């Protein structure tokens, strides 16, 4: 017969053993959110701060809009991101951004890079992904040794993803970060380009899968409904995908929610999904913190 104390100790041990090793260290992993915006769909700075705190984010990257376009989200521009990051330097860093095909592109982006921007983006504009304007962005990034974050959306932003490898290959010292519907739909070799949120089983070897496999300067921003859909549509594939690309995948939310939890918060759902499907605790730490810290040179 076991004593009550021995029974409780044994039960506690068995319960701990039943919990995946990944879950036991989750609370200790600092999380960097690589994709947020000021005034996202009208959200206030105070609501953004509360949202990030509820999600347990240690540092957030603020991505500004261009001067003539609010990223289709009513997001604010460079000055707004600089102001918030300077007010809360332990909670936020910022990128620089501008439309890639206007005369102001280079002077505006370089102005904010000199003010401390950690990268360029979110580049979300109607140009070909390997076009002359995007080569200008890559030239600026190369000169200043910063990454470029790009939103791929079929027939809308950063067009012709099938040619994007030309830019990645031409600028091996520039880190490109892929994001959004067409990037994440193209993990599937059988992707139909006009389907932005595909469902069902994934056949490995799609354009994005190959970019991540073939080019060490290609990274993936896991944010938004598109990133979440890419993992949930085929969880068996997702486990292998996360294991295969764990060194160049980055947790991010791109979430306009003001609460930081629940059904409307894709950021918290993605955070839980990455933790659940990650192959091990070391890979989780890479995707939630270390890969982002490397890109940001923290």
Protein backbone atom coordinates (compact mmCIF):
# COMPACT_ATOMS: atom_id res chain seq x y z
CA UNK A 1 0.00 0.00 0.00
CA UNK A 2 1.27 3.48 -0.83
CA UNK A 3 1.06 6.26 1.69
CA UNK A 4 -1.04 9.26 0.71
CA UNK A 5 2.12 11.34 0.28
CA UNK A 6 3.81 8.69 -1.87
CA UNK A 7 0.67 8.34 -3.97
CA UNK A 8 0.51 12.09 -4.60
CA UNK A 9 4.20 12.27 -5.47
CA UNK A 10 3.89 9.35 -7.89
CA UNK A 11 0.77 10.85 -9.47
CA UNK A 12 2.50 14.20 -9.90
CA UNK A 13 5.49 12.50 -11.51
CA UNK A 14 3.28 10.56 -13.93
CA UNK A 15 1.36 13.70 -14.91
CA UNK A 16 4.60 15.59 -15.55
CA UNK A 17 5.88 12.74 -17.69
CA UNK A 18 2.68 12.77 -19.71
CA UNK A 19 3.09 16.45 -20.64
CA UNK A 20 5.27 16.92 -23.76
CA UNK A 21 8.70 18.27 -22.92
CA UNK A 22 7.97 21.25 -25.18
CA UNK A 23 5.17 22.49 -22.95
CA UNK A 24 7.21 22.38 -19.77
CA UNK A 25 9.50 25.22 -20.84
CA UNK A 26 7.11 27.41 -22.80
CA UNK A 27 6.72 30.05 -20.10
CA UNK A 28 10.48 30.65 -20.11
CA UNK A 29 10.74 31.39 -23.84
CA UNK A 30 10.86 35.15 -24.54
CA UNK A 31 8.68 35.91 -27.56
CA UNK A 32 9.49 38.44 -30.26
CA UNK A 33 6.52 39.49 -32.41
CA UNK A 34 8.05 40.37 -35.78
CA UNK A 35 4.95 41.96 -37.32
CA UNK A 36 2.80 44.70 -35.82
CA UNK A 37 1.42 48.07 -36.92
CA UNK A 38 0.45 51.32 -35.25
CA UNK A 39 -3.19 52.38 -35.72
CA UNK A 40 -3.97 48.95 -37.20
CA UNK A 41 -7.64 49.21 -38.27
CA UNK A 42 -7.97 52.16 -35.90
CA UNK A 43 -6.49 50.48 -32.83
CA UNK A 44 -4.88 52.90 -30.36
CA UNK A 45 -1.32 52.66 -29.08
CA UNK A 46 -2.67 51.83 -25.64
CA UNK A 47 -4.73 48.95 -27.06
CA UNK A 48 -1.70 47.67 -28.98
CA UNK A 49 0.42 47.72 -25.83
CA UNK A 50 -2.28 45.85 -23.88
CA UNK A 51 -2.70 43.32 -26.72
CA UNK A 52 1.00 42.51 -26.78
CA UNK A 53 1.16 42.27 -22.98
CA UNK A 54 -1.75 39.81 -22.87
CA UNK A 55 -0.05 37.64 -25.50
CA UNK A 56 3.17 37.64 -23.45
CA UNK A 57 5.30 39.41 -26.07
CA UNK A 58 8.70 40.63 -24.90
CA UNK A 59 9.52 42.76 -27.99
CA UNK A 60 7.47 43.83 -31.01
CA UNK A 61 8.59 45.00 -34.46
CA UNK A 62 6.56 47.94 -35.76
CA UNK A 63 6.12 47.96 -39.54
CA UNK A 64 5.12 51.35 -40.97
CA UNK A 65 2.97 52.11 -43.98
CA UNK A 66 4.24 54.03 -46.98
CA UNK A 67 3.50 57.73 -47.37
CA UNK A 68 0.68 57.21 -49.90
CA UNK A 69 -0.80 53.90 -48.80
CA UNK A 70 -1.81 52.56 -45.36
CA UNK A 71 -1.08 48.90 -46.13
CA UNK A 72 -4.83 48.32 -46.69
CA UNK A 73 -5.18 48.38 -42.90
CA UNK A 74 -5.27 52.08 -42.07
CA UNK A 75 -1.80 51.61 -40.59
CA UNK A 76 0.25 54.70 -39.75
CA UNK A 77 3.65 55.52 -41.19
CA UNK A 78 7.27 55.90 -40.19
CA UNK A 79 6.93 58.72 -37.67
CA UNK A 80 4.23 56.92 -35.70
CA UNK A 81 6.42 53.83 -35.33
CA UNK A 82 9.48 55.86 -34.36
CA UNK A 83 7.51 57.77 -31.73
CA UNK A 84 6.09 54.64 -30.07
CA UNK A 85 9.44 52.82 -30.13
CA UNK A 86 11.20 55.79 -28.56
CA UNK A 87 8.52 56.08 -25.89
CA UNK A 88 8.78 52.36 -25.05
CA UNK A 89 12.27 51.28 -26.17
CA UNK A 90 12.19 48.00 -24.25
CA UNK A 91 8.93 46.94 -25.89
CA UNK A 92 9.25 48.07 -29.52
CA UNK A 93 11.69 48.43 -32.40
CA UNK A 94 10.74 49.76 -35.83
CA UNK A 95 11.36 49.25 -39.54
CA UNK A 96 11.51 51.89 -42.27
CA UNK A 97 9.17 51.90 -45.24
CA UNK A 98 8.15 53.71 -48.41
CA UNK A 99 6.62 52.87 -51.77
CA UNK A 100 9.40 51.33 -53.90
CA UNK A 101 8.60 53.13 -57.15
CA UNK A 102 8.49 56.86 -56.31
CA UNK A 103 11.29 59.47 -56.26
CA UNK A 104 11.16 59.65 -52.46
CA UNK A 105 11.89 55.95 -51.93
CA UNK A 106 15.60 56.03 -51.19
CA UNK A 107 15.86 59.28 -49.16
CA UNK A 108 12.84 58.41 -47.00
CA UNK A 109 13.92 54.87 -46.19
CA UNK A 110 17.51 55.91 -45.53
CA UNK A 111 16.33 58.72 -43.25
CA UNK A 112 14.62 56.25 -40.95
CA UNK A 113 17.38 53.66 -41.19
CA UNK A 114 19.73 56.33 -39.89
CA UNK A 115 17.27 56.96 -37.04
CA UNK A 116 17.62 53.34 -35.98
CA UNK A 117 15.22 51.28 -38.11
CA UNK A 118 16.09 47.58 -37.96
CA UNK A 119 14.86 46.72 -41.45
CA UNK A 120 12.67 47.69 -44.41
CA UNK A 121 8.98 46.81 -44.66
CA UNK A 122 6.30 45.86 -44.79
CA UNK A 123 6.76 46.14 -48.55
CA UNK A 124 3.14 45.70 -49.69
CA UNK A 125 2.81 47.40 -53.06
CA UNK A 126 1.66 46.63 -56.61
CA UNK A 127 5.01 45.86 -58.26
CA UNK A 128 6.62 42.70 -59.59
CA UNK A 129 8.62 40.95 -56.90
CA UNK A 130 11.80 40.95 -59.02
CA UNK A 131 11.24 44.39 -60.59
CA UNK A 132 13.55 47.39 -60.78
CA UNK A 133 11.78 49.10 -57.84
CA UNK A 134 12.31 46.01 -55.67
CA UNK A 135 15.95 45.90 -56.72
CA UNK A 136 16.24 49.46 -55.42
CA UNK A 137 14.84 48.26 -52.08
CA UNK A 138 17.34 45.40 -52.10
CA UNK A 139 20.19 47.79 -52.91
CA UNK A 140 19.29 49.96 -49.92
CA UNK A 141 19.03 46.91 -47.68
CA UNK A 142 22.38 45.61 -48.89
CA UNK A 143 24.10 48.92 -48.21
CA UNK A 144 22.64 49.23 -44.71
CA UNK A 145 22.83 45.52 -43.82
CA UNK A 146 19.14 45.17 -42.92
CA UNK A 147 16.39 42.67 -43.86
CA UNK A 148 13.37 43.29 -46.10
CA UNK A 149 9.89 42.03 -45.17
CA UNK A 150 7.50 41.47 -48.10
CA UNK A 151 3.78 40.82 -48.42
CA UNK A 152 2.96 38.46 -51.32
CA UNK A 153 -0.62 38.51 -52.60
CA UNK A 154 -1.54 37.23 -56.04
CA UNK A 155 -2.30 39.99 -58.59
CA UNK A 156 -2.21 42.60 -55.82
CA UNK A 157 1.13 42.95 -53.99
CA UNK A 158 4.64 41.75 -54.91
CA UNK A 159 3.49 40.04 -58.06
CA UNK A 160 5.02 37.03 -59.82
CA UNK A 161 6.26 35.08 -56.83
CA UNK A 162 7.44 32.43 -59.27
CA UNK A 163 10.20 34.88 -60.31
CA UNK A 164 11.09 36.08 -56.83
CA UNK A 165 14.03 33.68 -56.62
CA UNK A 166 15.79 35.95 -59.15
CA UNK A 167 15.93 38.73 -56.54
CA UNK A 168 16.89 36.43 -53.68
CA UNK A 169 19.68 34.92 -55.74
CA UNK A 170 20.96 38.30 -56.95
CA UNK A 171 21.29 39.63 -53.38
CA UNK A 172 22.75 36.78 -51.29
CA UNK A 173 23.70 39.12 -48.43
CA UNK A 174 20.19 40.54 -48.05
CA UNK A 175 17.75 38.64 -45.84
CA UNK A 176 14.26 38.55 -47.39
CA UNK A 177 11.28 37.70 -45.20
CA UNK A 178 8.19 36.30 -46.94
CA UNK A 179 4.70 36.85 -45.59
CA UNK A 180 0.99 36.76 -46.45
CA UNK A 181 -1.48 34.80 -48.53
CA UNK A 182 0.48 33.91 -51.65
CA UNK A 183 3.67 33.17 -49.77
CA UNK A 184 1.93 30.72 -47.44
CA UNK A 185 -0.34 29.20 -50.07
CA UNK A 186 2.81 28.32 -52.02
CA UNK A 187 4.16 25.88 -49.47
CA UNK A 188 2.05 23.49 -51.55
CA UNK A 189 3.52 22.23 -54.82
CA UNK A 190 -0.03 22.02 -56.21
CA UNK A 191 -0.95 25.58 -55.23
CA UNK A 192 -3.51 27.39 -57.37
CA UNK A 193 -2.24 30.95 -57.42
CA UNK A 194 -5.66 32.60 -57.29
CA UNK A 195 -6.66 30.70 -54.11
CA UNK A 196 -5.44 32.77 -51.17
CA UNK A 197 -6.51 30.53 -48.29
CA UNK A 198 -6.33 26.96 -49.62
CA UNK A 199 -7.55 24.01 -47.59
CA UNK A 200 -6.66 20.35 -47.52
CA UNK A 201 -3.50 18.27 -47.65
CA UNK A 202 -0.23 19.89 -48.69
CA UNK A 203 2.17 18.44 -51.23
CA UNK A 204 5.68 19.55 -50.19
CA UNK A 205 7.89 21.35 -52.69
CA UNK A 206 5.93 24.51 -53.43
CA UNK A 207 7.59 27.79 -54.35
CA UNK A 208 7.89 29.03 -50.77
CA UNK A 209 9.08 25.66 -49.51
CA UNK A 210 11.82 25.67 -52.15
CA UNK A 211 12.81 29.26 -51.42
CA UNK A 212 13.32 28.39 -47.76
CA UNK A 213 15.21 25.23 -48.69
CA UNK A 214 17.42 26.64 -51.45
CA UNK A 215 18.40 30.10 -50.22
CA UNK A 216 19.94 30.79 -46.79
CA UNK A 217 18.84 34.45 -47.07
CA UNK A 218 15.12 33.51 -47.30
CA UNK A 219 12.97 33.61 -44.15
CA UNK A 220 9.29 33.14 -43.35
CA UNK A 221 7.04 35.40 -41.25
CA UNK A 222 4.41 33.06 -39.77
CA UNK A 223 1.84 35.75 -39.07
CA UNK A 224 -1.80 36.48 -39.89
CA UNK A 225 -4.59 34.21 -40.98
CA UNK A 226 -2.51 33.05 -43.94
CA UNK A 227 0.32 31.77 -41.76
CA UNK A 228 -2.10 30.15 -39.35
CA UNK A 229 -4.02 28.51 -42.21
CA UNK A 230 -0.77 27.13 -43.64
CA UNK A 231 -0.17 25.19 -40.43
CA UNK A 232 -3.73 24.15 -39.58
CA UNK A 233 -4.79 22.95 -43.05
CA UNK A 234 -2.50 19.92 -42.79
CA UNK A 235 -0.96 19.47 -39.36
CA UNK A 236 1.10 16.43 -40.34
CA UNK A 237 2.77 18.47 -43.07
CA UNK A 238 3.10 21.43 -40.71
CA UNK A 239 5.10 19.42 -38.19
CA UNK A 240 7.60 18.44 -40.86
CA UNK A 241 7.65 21.94 -42.31
CA UNK A 242 8.45 23.51 -38.93
CA UNK A 243 11.16 20.95 -38.28
CA UNK A 244 12.64 21.37 -41.75
CA UNK A 245 12.73 25.17 -41.67
CA UNK A 246 13.06 25.86 -37.94
CA UNK A 247 16.22 27.93 -38.50
CA UNK A 248 14.45 30.49 -40.71
CA UNK A 249 10.88 30.73 -39.53
CA UNK A 250 9.83 33.66 -37.33
CA UNK A 251 6.82 33.98 -35.07
CA UNK A 252 4.78 37.12 -35.80
CA UNK A 253 1.17 38.12 -35.20
CA UNK A 254 0.09 40.83 -37.69
CA UNK A 255 -3.06 40.85 -35.57
CA UNK A 256 -5.39 43.86 -35.40
CA UNK A 257 -7.28 42.50 -32.40
CA UNK A 258 -7.33 44.66 -29.26
CA UNK A 259 -7.68 41.89 -26.67
CA UNK A 260 -4.75 39.51 -27.21
CA UNK A 261 -6.68 36.28 -26.77
CA UNK A 262 -9.78 34.47 -27.99
CA UNK A 263 -11.25 33.65 -31.39
CA UNK A 264 -10.56 37.06 -32.94
CA UNK A 265 -6.87 37.08 -32.02
CA UNK A 266 -4.98 35.23 -34.75
CA UNK A 267 -1.70 36.16 -33.05
CA UNK A 268 -2.41 34.19 -29.88
CA UNK A 269 -3.79 31.29 -31.93
CA UNK A 270 -0.63 31.18 -34.04
CA UNK A 271 1.56 31.33 -30.94
CA UNK A 272 -0.24 28.32 -29.47
CA UNK A 273 -0.11 26.47 -32.80
CA UNK A 274 3.64 26.94 -33.28
CA UNK A 275 4.27 25.69 -29.74
CA UNK A 276 1.99 22.68 -30.25
CA UNK A 277 3.37 21.60 -33.63
CA UNK A 278 7.04 22.43 -33.03
CA UNK A 279 9.33 19.37 -33.01
CA UNK A 280 11.08 20.25 -29.75
CA UNK A 281 11.83 23.01 -27.25
CA UNK A 282 15.00 24.13 -29.05
CA UNK A 283 13.09 24.65 -32.31
CA UNK A 284 10.36 26.53 -30.47
CA UNK A 285 12.89 28.94 -29.01
CA UNK A 286 14.37 29.55 -32.44
CA UNK A 287 11.00 30.37 -34.00
CA UNK A 288 9.71 32.45 -31.09
CA UNK A 289 12.88 34.38 -30.34
CA UNK A 290 16.32 33.44 -31.62
CA UNK A 291 15.72 33.72 -35.38
CA UNK A 292 14.14 37.15 -34.95
CA UNK A 293 16.93 38.29 -32.64
CA UNK A 294 19.47 37.24 -35.28
CA UNK A 295 17.74 39.25 -38.00
CA UNK A 296 17.37 42.28 -35.71
CA UNK A 297 21.00 41.96 -34.53
CA UNK A 298 19.97 42.00 -30.90
